[in-house]
Amino acid sequence: MSVFTVQLPDSLKMNEFELKMMTASKLFEDGKSSSGQAAEIVGISKRSFVELIGKYRSPKRSSRTSFKKTCLLRNEKARH
């Protein structure tokens, strides 16, 4: 796994976990990673990632329905 160092202004008041969750959820939302890969980025279980993702998703796609549709579509693609 690649490692990057990011410097953020103190005024953002973000910790490492929040930055990892934001990055991982964006990659997942854009279809660039699976939920398992995103969970690995953050260092948590896949189940925990799925439970937490709603907090870190962009407002335009934060509905539970669209999240479930995304998961169902990805599962369907993985089967084929």
C-alpha atoms as a PDB file:
ATOM      1  CA  MET A   1       0.000   0.000   0.000  1.00  0.00           C
ATOM      2  CA  SER A   2       1.292   3.474  -0.847  1.00  0.00           C
ATOM      3  CA  VAL A   3       1.862   5.959   1.971  1.00  0.00           C
ATOM      4  CA  PHE A   4       1.377   9.712   1.590  1.00  0.00           C
ATOM      5  CA  THR A   5       2.017  12.606   3.937  1.00  0.00           C
ATOM      6  CA  VAL A   6      -0.497  15.438   3.866  1.00  0.00           C
ATOM      7  CA  GLN A   7      -0.111  18.720   5.705  1.00  0.00           C
ATOM      8  CA  LEU A   8      -3.336  20.421   6.707  1.00  0.00           C
ATOM      9  CA  PRO A   9      -3.812  23.791   8.363  1.00  0.00           C
ATOM     10  CA  ASP A  10      -4.542  23.486  12.085  1.00  0.00           C
ATOM     11  CA  SER A  11      -7.684  25.532  11.501  1.00  0.00           C
ATOM     12  CA  LEU A  12      -9.298  22.523   9.780  1.00  0.00           C
ATOM     13  CA  LYS A  13      -9.223  20.635  13.080  1.00  0.00           C
ATOM     14  CA  MET A  14      -9.200  17.218  11.402  1.00  0.00           C
ATOM     15  CA  ASN A  15      -7.584  14.117  12.763  1.00  0.00           C
ATOM     16  CA  GLU A  16      -6.012  11.286  10.765  1.00  0.00           C
ATOM     17  CA  PHE A  17      -9.096   9.069  11.041  1.00  0.00           C
ATOM     18  CA  GLU A  18     -11.387  11.765   9.624  1.00  0.00           C
ATOM     19  CA  LEU A  19      -9.052  12.416   6.702  1.00  0.00           C
ATOM     20  CA  LYS A  20      -8.800   8.701   5.930  1.00  0.00           C
ATOM     21  CA  MET A  21     -12.590   8.305   6.118  1.00  0.00           C
ATOM     22  CA  MET A  22     -13.178  11.267   3.817  1.00  0.00           C
ATOM     23  CA  THR A  23     -10.658   9.940   1.307  1.00  0.00           C
ATOM     24  CA  ALA A  24     -11.896   6.357   1.460  1.00  0.00           C
ATOM     25  CA  SER A  25     -15.568   7.327   1.227  1.00  0.00           C
ATOM     26  CA  LYS A  26     -14.874   9.519  -1.808  1.00  0.00           C
ATOM     27  CA  LEU A  27     -12.985   6.697  -3.552  1.00  0.00           C
ATOM     28  CA  PHE A  28     -15.854   4.325  -2.750  1.00  0.00           C
ATOM     29  CA  GLU A  29     -18.504   6.824  -3.832  1.00  0.00           C
ATOM     30  CA  ASP A  30     -16.723   7.375  -7.155  1.00  0.00           C
ATOM     31  CA  GLY A  31     -16.484   3.617  -7.754  1.00  0.00           C
ATOM     32  CA  LYS A  32     -12.691   3.588  -7.542  1.00  0.00           C
ATOM     33  CA  SER A  33     -12.568   1.252  -4.564  1.00  0.00           C
ATOM     34  CA  SER A  34     -14.700  -1.452  -3.023  1.00  0.00           C
ATOM     35  CA  SER A  35     -16.051  -1.098   0.497  1.00  0.00           C
ATOM     36  CA  GLY A  36     -13.413  -3.613   1.608  1.00  0.00           C
ATOM     37  CA  GLN A  37     -10.589  -1.598   0.065  1.00  0.00           C
ATOM     38  CA  ALA A  38     -11.978   1.599   1.555  1.00  0.00           C
ATOM     39  CA  ALA A  39     -12.155  -0.035   4.982  1.00  0.00           C
ATOM     40  CA  GLU A  40      -8.542  -1.135   4.607  1.00  0.00           C
ATOM     41  CA  ILE A  41      -7.485   2.463   3.856  1.00  0.00           C
ATOM     42  CA  VAL A  42      -9.074   3.586   7.117  1.00  0.00           C
ATOM     43  CA  GLY A  43      -7.897   0.573   9.104  1.00  0.00           C
ATOM     44  CA  ILE A  44     -11.352  -0.607  10.177  1.00  0.00           C
ATOM     45  CA  SER A  45     -13.610  -3.530   9.328  1.00  0.00           C
ATOM     46  CA  LYS A  46     -15.772  -3.487   6.213  1.00  0.00           C
ATOM     47  CA  ARG A  47     -18.864  -3.537   8.422  1.00  0.00           C
ATOM     48  CA  SER A  48     -17.651  -0.520  10.400  1.00  0.00           C
ATOM     49  CA  PHE A  49     -16.894   1.366   7.194  1.00  0.00           C
ATOM     50  CA  VAL A  50     -20.382   0.716   5.823  1.00  0.00           C
ATOM     51  CA  GLU A  51     -21.909   1.855   9.121  1.00  0.00           C
ATOM     52  CA  LEU A  52     -19.840   5.072   9.230  1.00  0.00           C
ATOM     53  CA  ILE A  53     -19.848   6.102   5.573  1.00  0.00           C
ATOM     54  CA  GLY A  54     -23.072   8.105   5.797  1.00  0.00           C
ATOM     55  CA  LYS A  55     -21.350  10.650   8.006  1.00  0.00           C
ATOM     56  CA  TYR A  56     -18.602  11.272   5.438  1.00  0.00           C
ATOM     57  CA  ARG A  57     -20.525  11.142   2.140  1.00  0.00           C
ATOM     58  CA  SER A  58     -21.259  14.243   0.098  1.00  0.00           C
ATOM     59  CA  PRO A  59     -24.735  15.708   0.699  1.00  0.00           C
ATOM     60  CA  LYS A  60     -25.944  15.116  -2.868  1.00  0.00           C
ATOM     61  CA  ARG A  61     -25.473  11.345  -2.474  1.00  0.00           C
ATOM     62  CA  SER A  62     -26.097  10.858   1.206  1.00  0.00           C
ATOM     63  CA  SER A  63     -29.500   9.231   0.952  1.00  0.00           C
ATOM     64  CA  ARG A  64     -29.687   5.723   2.329  1.00  0.00           C
ATOM     65  CA  THR A  65     -31.545   4.576  -0.765  1.00  0.00           C
ATOM     66  CA  SER A  66     -28.800   5.667  -3.161  1.00  0.00           C
ATOM     67  CA  PHE A  67     -26.181   4.030  -0.923  1.00  0.00           C
ATOM     68  CA  LYS A  68     -28.110   0.748  -0.930  1.00  0.00           C
ATOM     69  CA  LYS A  69     -28.504   0.960  -4.717  1.00  0.00           C
ATOM     70  CA  THR A  70     -24.753   1.525  -5.083  1.00  0.00           C
ATOM     71  CA  CYS A  71     -24.006  -1.539  -2.936  1.00  0.00           C
ATOM     72  CA  LEU A  72     -26.513  -3.691  -4.809  1.00  0.00           C
ATOM     73  CA  LEU A  73     -25.132  -2.647  -8.200  1.00  0.00           C
ATOM     74  CA  ARG A  74     -21.568  -3.388  -7.119  1.00  0.00           C
ATOM     75  CA  ASN A  75     -22.559  -6.778  -5.736  1.00  0.00           C
ATOM     76  CA  GLU A  76     -24.364  -7.582  -8.999  1.00  0.00           C
ATOM     77  CA  LYS A  77     -21.286  -6.582 -11.044  1.00  0.00           C
ATOM     78  CA  ALA A  78     -19.033  -8.671  -8.823  1.00  0.00           C
ATOM     79  CA  ARG A  79     -21.144 -11.760  -9.496  1.00  0.00           C
ATOM     80  CA  HIS A  80     -20.703 -11.456 -13.267  1.00  0.00           C
END
